[in-house]
C-alpha cells in the first residue's frame, strides 16, 4: 500500500492513492510508493518509473512551490 503524507493548514493527512491528494496543500511530508517485488511486468516498470514525475508534480502543487526552485 502506498503512503503519501501532506500537511495542509496545520493538519496532517495521509493518502494511499495518489489521485486522492488535493491539488493544493502546504507541504509534502512523506512520499512512499509501494514497489512490488521483482520480477516486474512492463506495466509495473512503467508505474515505478512514473513515481519520480509524480513526486515532482506534488512539489509543484505545494502552495509555496515558487520557493522550491
PDB file of N, CA and C in Angstrom:
ATOM      1  N   UNK A   1       0.845  -1.182   0.000  1.00  0.00           N
ATOM      2  CA  UNK A   1       0.000   0.000   0.000  1.00  0.00           C
ATOM      3  C   UNK A   1       0.894   1.250   0.000  1.00  0.00           C
ATOM      4  N   UNK A   2       0.557   2.209  -0.834  1.00  0.00           N
ATOM      5  CA  UNK A   2       1.308   3.464  -0.902  1.00  0.00           C
ATOM      6  C   UNK A   2       1.046   4.288   0.361  1.00  0.00           C
ATOM      7  N   UNK A   3       1.979   5.193   0.669  1.00  0.00           N
ATOM      8  CA  UNK A   3       1.771   6.128   1.776  1.00  0.00           C
ATOM      9  C   UNK A   3       2.255   7.511   1.349  1.00  0.00           C
ATOM     10  N   UNK A   4       1.300   8.427   1.256  1.00  0.00           N
ATOM     11  CA  UNK A   4       1.595   9.811   0.915  1.00  0.00           C
ATOM     12  C   UNK A   4       1.046  10.674   2.037  1.00  0.00           C
ATOM     13  N   UNK A   5       1.905  11.497   2.623  1.00  0.00           N
ATOM     14  CA  UNK A   5       1.500  12.336   3.749  1.00  0.00           C
ATOM     15  C   UNK A   5       1.751  13.787   3.366  1.00  0.00           C
ATOM     16  N   UNK A   6       0.736  14.611   3.577  1.00  0.00           N
ATOM     17  CA  UNK A   6       0.869  16.046   3.323  1.00  0.00           C
ATOM     18  C   UNK A   6       0.439  16.816   4.566  1.00  0.00           C
ATOM     19  N   UNK A   7       0.855  18.052   4.618  1.00  0.00           N
ATOM     20  CA  UNK A   7       0.419  18.969   5.667  1.00  0.00           C
ATOM     21  C   UNK A   7      -0.359  20.089   4.993  1.00  0.00           C
ATOM     22  N   UNK A   8      -1.525  20.388   5.527  1.00  0.00           N
ATOM     23  CA  UNK A   8      -2.349  21.448   4.969  1.00  0.00           C
ATOM     24  C   UNK A   8      -3.052  22.166   6.100  1.00  0.00           C
ATOM     25  N   UNK A   9      -2.857  23.460   6.164  1.00  0.00           N
ATOM     26  CA  UNK A   9      -3.463  24.295   7.207  1.00  0.00           C
ATOM     27  C   UNK A   9      -3.216  23.741   8.603  1.00  0.00           C
ATOM     28  N   UNK A  10      -1.978  23.295   8.841  1.00  0.00           N
ATOM     29  CA  UNK A  10      -1.579  22.823  10.160  1.00  0.00           C
ATOM     30  C   UNK A  10      -2.010  21.405  10.498  1.00  0.00           C
ATOM     31  N   UNK A  11      -2.681  20.717   9.589  1.00  0.00           N
ATOM     32  CA  UNK A  11      -3.124  19.348   9.837  1.00  0.00           C
ATOM     33  C   UNK A  11      -2.386  18.389   8.906  1.00  0.00           C
ATOM     34  N   UNK A  12      -2.180  17.163   9.390  1.00  0.00           N
ATOM     35  CA  UNK A  12      -1.506  16.123   8.634  1.00  0.00           C
ATOM     36  C   UNK A  12      -2.553  15.189   8.034  1.00  0.00           C
ATOM     37  N   UNK A  13      -2.409  14.885   6.748  1.00  0.00           N
ATOM     38  CA  UNK A  13      -3.325  13.989   6.045  1.00  0.00           C
ATOM     39  C   UNK A  13      -2.512  12.888   5.373  1.00  0.00           C
ATOM     40  N   UNK A  14      -3.030  11.661   5.434  1.00  0.00           N
ATOM     41  CA  UNK A  14      -2.374  10.513   4.829  1.00  0.00           C
ATOM     42  C   UNK A  14      -3.280   9.933   3.749  1.00  0.00           C
ATOM     43  N   UNK A  15      -2.670   9.606   2.617  1.00  0.00           N
ATOM     44  CA  UNK A  15      -3.407   9.048   1.481  1.00  0.00           C
ATOM     45  C   UNK A  15      -2.709   7.775   1.023  1.00  0.00           C
ATOM     46  N   UNK A  16      -3.498   6.830   0.502  1.00  0.00           N
ATOM     47  CA  UNK A  16      -2.900   5.632  -0.077  1.00  0.00           C
ATOM     48  C   UNK A  16      -3.072   5.604  -1.594  1.00  0.00           C
ATOM     49  N   UNK A  17      -3.775   6.589  -2.131  1.00  0.00           N
ATOM     50  CA  UNK A  17      -3.938   6.713  -3.583  1.00  0.00           C
ATOM     51  C   UNK A  17      -3.455   8.101  -4.009  1.00  0.00           C
ATOM     52  N   UNK A  18      -2.557   8.131  -4.964  1.00  0.00           N
ATOM     53  CA  UNK A  18      -2.021   9.397  -5.456  1.00  0.00           C
ATOM     54  C   UNK A  18      -3.143  10.308  -5.930  1.00  0.00           C
ATOM     55  N   UNK A  19      -4.134   9.737  -6.581  1.00  0.00           N
ATOM     56  CA  UNK A  19      -5.235  10.502  -7.169  1.00  0.00           C
ATOM     57  C   UNK A  19      -6.079  11.224  -6.116  1.00  0.00           C
ATOM     58  N   UNK A  20      -6.012  10.804  -4.864  1.00  0.00           N
ATOM     59  CA  UNK A  20      -6.808  11.415  -3.797  1.00  0.00           C
ATOM     60  C   UNK A  20      -6.144  12.653  -3.180  1.00  0.00           C
ATOM     61  N   UNK A  21      -4.884  12.884  -3.506  1.00  0.00           N
ATOM     62  CA  UNK A  21      -4.164  14.013  -2.925  1.00  0.00           C
ATOM     63  C   UNK A  21      -4.719  15.304  -3.514  1.00  0.00           C
ATOM     64  N   UNK A  22      -5.019  16.301  -2.667  1.00  0.00           N
ATOM     65  CA  UNK A  22      -5.582  17.561  -3.175  1.00  0.00           C
ATOM     66  C   UNK A  22      -4.660  18.250  -4.177  1.00  0.00           C
ATOM     67  N   UNK A  23      -5.252  19.102  -4.992  1.00  0.00           N
ATOM     68  CA  UNK A  23      -4.480  19.833  -5.993  1.00  0.00           C
ATOM     69  C   UNK A  23      -3.611  20.919  -5.380  1.00  0.00           C
ATOM     70  N   UNK A  24      -3.931  21.328  -4.168  1.00  0.00           N
ATOM     71  CA  UNK A  24      -3.154  22.358  -3.482  1.00  0.00           C
ATOM     72  C   UNK A  24      -3.086  22.028  -1.999  1.00  0.00           C
ATOM     73  N   UNK A  25      -1.905  22.199  -1.413  1.00  0.00           N
ATOM     74  CA  UNK A  25      -1.686  21.932   0.004  1.00  0.00           C
ATOM     75  C   UNK A  25      -0.407  22.645   0.406  1.00  0.00           C
ATOM     76  N   UNK A  26      -0.074  22.588   1.699  1.00  0.00           N
ATOM     77  CA  UNK A  26       1.098  23.330   2.176  1.00  0.00           C
ATOM     78  C   UNK A  26       2.428  22.617   1.922  1.00  0.00           C
ATOM     79  N   UNK A  27       2.542  21.347   2.311  1.00  0.00           N
ATOM     80  CA  UNK A  27       3.833  20.657   2.211  1.00  0.00           C
ATOM     81  C   UNK A  27       3.659  19.157   1.998  1.00  0.00           C
ATOM     82  N   UNK A  28       4.584  18.585   1.225  1.00  0.00           N
ATOM     83  CA  UNK A  28       4.715  17.127   1.148  1.00  0.00           C
ATOM     84  C   UNK A  28       5.548  16.723   2.359  1.00  0.00           C
ATOM     85  N   UNK A  29       5.040  15.799   3.147  1.00  0.00           N
ATOM     86  CA  UNK A  29       5.764  15.320   4.320  1.00  0.00           C
ATOM     87  C   UNK A  29       6.415  13.966   4.030  1.00  0.00           C
ATOM     88  N   UNK A  30       5.667  13.083   3.381  1.00  0.00           N
ATOM     89  CA  UNK A  30       6.165  11.731   3.133  1.00  0.00           C
ATOM     90  C   UNK A  30       5.644  11.244   1.781  1.00  0.00           C
ATOM     91  N   UNK A  31       6.529  10.621   1.026  1.00  0.00           N
ATOM     92  CA  UNK A  31       6.171  10.096  -0.292  1.00  0.00           C
ATOM     93  C   UNK A  31       6.771   8.700  -0.392  1.00  0.00           C
ATOM     94  N   UNK A  32       5.945   7.680  -0.152  1.00  0.00           N
ATOM     95  CA  UNK A  32       6.429   6.306  -0.144  1.00  0.00           C
ATOM     96  C   UNK A  32       5.518   5.434  -1.004  1.00  0.00           C
ATOM     97  N   UNK A  33       5.782   5.401  -2.310  1.00  0.00           N
ATOM     98  CA  UNK A  33       5.011   4.488  -3.160  1.00  0.00           C
ATOM     99  C   UNK A  33       5.480   3.059  -2.912  1.00  0.00           C
ATOM    100  N   UNK A  34       4.556   2.140  -2.985  1.00  0.00           N
ATOM    101  CA  UNK A  34       4.902   0.728  -2.800  1.00  0.00           C
ATOM    102  C   UNK A  34       5.404   0.166  -4.128  1.00  0.00           C
ATOM    103  N   UNK A  35       6.568  -0.398  -4.086  1.00  0.00           N
ATOM    104  CA  UNK A  35       7.148  -1.023  -5.274  1.00  0.00           C
ATOM    105  C   UNK A  35       6.993  -2.535  -5.109  1.00  0.00           C
ATOM    106  N   UNK A  36       6.358  -3.190  -6.072  1.00  0.00           N
ATOM    107  CA  UNK A  36       6.169  -4.642  -5.962  1.00  0.00           C
ATOM    108  C   UNK A  36       7.497  -5.390  -6.028  1.00  0.00           C
ATOM    109  N   UNK A  37       7.490  -6.579  -5.465  1.00  0.00           N
ATOM    110  CA  UNK A  37       8.679  -7.432  -5.506  1.00  0.00           C
ATOM    111  C   UNK A  37       8.979  -7.836  -6.951  1.00  0.00           C
ATOM    112  N   UNK A  38      10.260  -7.929  -7.303  1.00  0.00           N
ATOM    113  CA  UNK A  38      10.612  -8.393  -8.637  1.00  0.00           C
ATOM    114  C   UNK A  38      10.309  -9.886  -8.783  1.00  0.00           C
ATOM    115  N   UNK A  39      10.198 -10.375  -9.956  1.00  0.00           N
ATOM    116  CA  UNK A  39      10.370  -9.681 -11.234  1.00  0.00           C
ATOM    117  C   UNK A  39       9.146  -8.816 -11.548  1.00  0.00           C
ATOM    118  N   UNK A  40       9.376  -7.742 -12.277  1.00  0.00           N
ATOM    119  CA  UNK A  40       8.318  -6.796 -12.613  1.00  0.00           C
ATOM    120  C   UNK A  40       7.824  -6.997 -14.037  1.00  0.00           C
ATOM    121  N   UNK A  41       6.543  -6.747 -14.197  1.00  0.00           N
ATOM    122  CA  UNK A  41       5.965  -6.737 -15.546  1.00  0.00           C
ATOM    123  C   UNK A  41       6.294  -5.392 -16.194  1.00  0.00           C
ATOM    124  N   UNK A  42       6.038  -5.276 -17.470  1.00  0.00           N
ATOM    125  CA  UNK A  42       6.244  -3.993 -18.158  1.00  0.00           C
ATOM    126  C   UNK A  42       5.355  -2.912 -17.551  1.00  0.00           C
ATOM    127  N   UNK A  43       4.142  -3.269 -17.210  1.00  0.00           N
ATOM    128  CA  UNK A  43       3.219  -2.298 -16.591  1.00  0.00           C
ATOM    129  C   UNK A  43       3.766  -1.833 -15.248  1.00  0.00           C
ATOM    130  N   UNK A  44       4.299  -2.756 -14.464  1.00  0.00           N
ATOM    131  CA  UNK A  44       4.893  -2.371 -13.179  1.00  0.00           C
ATOM    132  C   UNK A  44       6.115  -1.487 -13.388  1.00  0.00           C
ATOM    133  N   UNK A  45       6.925  -1.797 -14.384  1.00  0.00           N
ATOM    134  CA  UNK A  45       8.094  -0.951 -14.691  1.00  0.00           C
ATOM    135  C   UNK A  45       7.646   0.458 -15.052  1.00  0.00           C
ATOM    136  N   UNK A  46       6.617   0.571 -15.845  1.00  0.00           N
ATOM    137  CA  UNK A  46       6.101   1.891 -16.222  1.00  0.00           C
ATOM    138  C   UNK A  46       5.643   2.663 -14.994  1.00  0.00           C
ATOM    139  N   UNK A  47       4.946   1.981 -14.089  1.00  0.00           N
ATOM    140  CA  UNK A  47       4.475   2.653 -12.867  1.00  0.00           C
ATOM    141  C   UNK A  47       5.653   3.076 -11.994  1.00  0.00           C
ATOM    142  N   UNK A  48       6.616   2.193 -11.817  1.00  0.00           N
ATOM    143  CA  UNK A  48       7.794   2.505 -10.996  1.00  0.00           C
ATOM    144  C   UNK A  48       8.512   3.728 -11.560  1.00  0.00           C
ATOM    145  N   UNK A  49       8.664   3.779 -12.865  1.00  0.00           N
ATOM    146  CA  UNK A  49       9.361   4.903 -13.498  1.00  0.00           C
ATOM    147  C   UNK A  49       8.552   6.198 -13.432  1.00  0.00           C
ATOM    148  N   UNK A  50       7.264   6.110 -13.179  1.00  0.00           N
ATOM    149  CA  UNK A  50       6.425   7.311 -13.105  1.00  0.00           C
ATOM    150  C   UNK A  50       6.496   8.011 -11.749  1.00  0.00           C
ATOM    151  N   UNK A  51       6.993   7.333 -10.720  1.00  0.00           N
ATOM    152  CA  UNK A  51       6.937   7.906  -9.370  1.00  0.00           C
ATOM    153  C   UNK A  51       7.780   9.163  -9.212  1.00  0.00           C
ATOM    154  N   UNK A  52       8.899   9.252  -9.866  1.00  0.00           N
ATOM    155  CA  UNK A  52       9.705  10.468  -9.763  1.00  0.00           C
ATOM    156  C   UNK A  52       8.942  11.678 -10.301  1.00  0.00           C
ATOM    157  N   UNK A  53       8.275  11.507 -11.437  1.00  0.00           N
ATOM    158  CA  UNK A  53       7.482  12.603 -12.002  1.00  0.00           C
ATOM    159  C   UNK A  53       6.300  12.951 -11.099  1.00  0.00           C
ATOM    160  N   UNK A  54       5.726  11.947 -10.468  1.00  0.00           N
ATOM    161  CA  UNK A  54       4.600  12.212  -9.561  1.00  0.00           C
ATOM    162  C   UNK A  54       5.058  12.984  -8.330  1.00  0.00           C
ATOM    163  N   UNK A  55       6.237  12.674  -7.812  1.00  0.00           N
ATOM    164  CA  UNK A  55       6.766  13.447  -6.686  1.00  0.00           C
ATOM    165  C   UNK A  55       7.012  14.896  -7.108  1.00  0.00           C
ATOM    166  N   UNK A  56       7.575  15.097  -8.281  1.00  0.00           N
ATOM    167  CA  UNK A  56       7.787  16.456  -8.785  1.00  0.00           C
ATOM    168  C   UNK A  56       6.462  17.198  -8.926  1.00  0.00           C
ATOM    169  N   UNK A  57       5.429  16.489  -9.376  1.00  0.00           N
ATOM    170  CA  UNK A  57       4.097  17.088  -9.501  1.00  0.00           C
ATOM    171  C   UNK A  57       3.582  17.534  -8.138  1.00  0.00           C
ATOM    172  N   UNK A  58       3.741  16.712  -7.121  1.00  0.00           N
ATOM    173  CA  UNK A  58       3.296  17.098  -5.779  1.00  0.00           C
ATOM    174  C   UNK A  58       4.057  18.323  -5.284  1.00  0.00           C
ATOM    175  N   UNK A  59       5.329  18.383  -5.576  1.00  0.00           N
ATOM    176  CA  UNK A  59       6.122  19.536  -5.154  1.00  0.00           C
ATOM    177  C   UNK A  59       5.634  20.807  -5.843  1.00  0.00           C
ATOM    178  N   UNK A  60       5.166  20.692  -7.075  1.00  0.00           N
ATOM    179  CA  UNK A  60       4.606  21.861  -7.773  1.00  0.00           C
ATOM    180  C   UNK A  60       3.273  22.276  -7.159  1.00  0.00           C
ATOM    181  N   UNK A  61       2.530  21.311  -6.624  1.00  0.00           N
ATOM    182  CA  UNK A  61       1.233  21.603  -6.019  1.00  0.00           C
ATOM    183  C   UNK A  61       1.335  22.319  -4.681  1.00  0.00           C
ATOM    184  N   UNK A  62       2.493  22.247  -4.043  1.00  0.00           N
ATOM    185  CA  UNK A  62       2.648  22.917  -2.758  1.00  0.00           C
ATOM    186  C   UNK A  62       2.387  24.406  -2.922  1.00  0.00           C
ATOM    187  N   UNK A  63       1.694  24.975  -1.961  1.00  0.00           N
ATOM    188  CA  UNK A  63       1.356  26.412  -2.030  1.00  0.00           C
ATOM    189  C   UNK A  63       2.601  27.281  -2.163  1.00  0.00           C
ATOM    190  N   UNK A  64       3.699  26.847  -1.595  1.00  0.00           N
ATOM    191  CA  UNK A  64       4.937  27.622  -1.659  1.00  0.00           C
ATOM    192  C   UNK A  64       5.867  27.098  -2.745  1.00  0.00           C
ATOM    193  N   UNK A  65       5.295  26.538  -3.803  1.00  0.00           N
ATOM    194  CA  UNK A  65       6.095  25.901  -4.857  1.00  0.00           C
ATOM    195  C   UNK A  65       7.122  26.850  -5.463  1.00  0.00           C
ATOM    196  N   UNK A  66       6.826  28.124  -5.512  1.00  0.00           N
ATOM    197  CA  UNK A  66       7.777  29.070  -6.098  1.00  0.00           C
ATOM    198  C   UNK A  66       9.071  29.129  -5.273  1.00  0.00           C
ATOM    199  N   UNK A  67       9.005  28.716  -4.023  1.00  0.00           N
ATOM    200  CA  UNK A  67      10.195  28.692  -3.176  1.00  0.00           C
ATOM    201  C   UNK A  67      10.976  27.400  -3.335  1.00  0.00           C
ATOM    202  N   UNK A  68      10.450  26.440  -4.096  1.00  0.00           N
ATOM    203  CA  UNK A  68      11.099  25.138  -4.252  1.00  0.00           C
ATOM    204  C   UNK A  68      12.096  25.113  -5.397  1.00  0.00           C
ATOM    205  N   UNK A  69      12.214  26.156  -6.171  1.00  0.00           N
ATOM    206  CA  UNK A  69      13.105  26.088  -7.327  1.00  0.00           C
ATOM    207  C   UNK A  69      14.515  26.478  -6.988  1.00  0.00           C
TER     208      UNK A  69
END
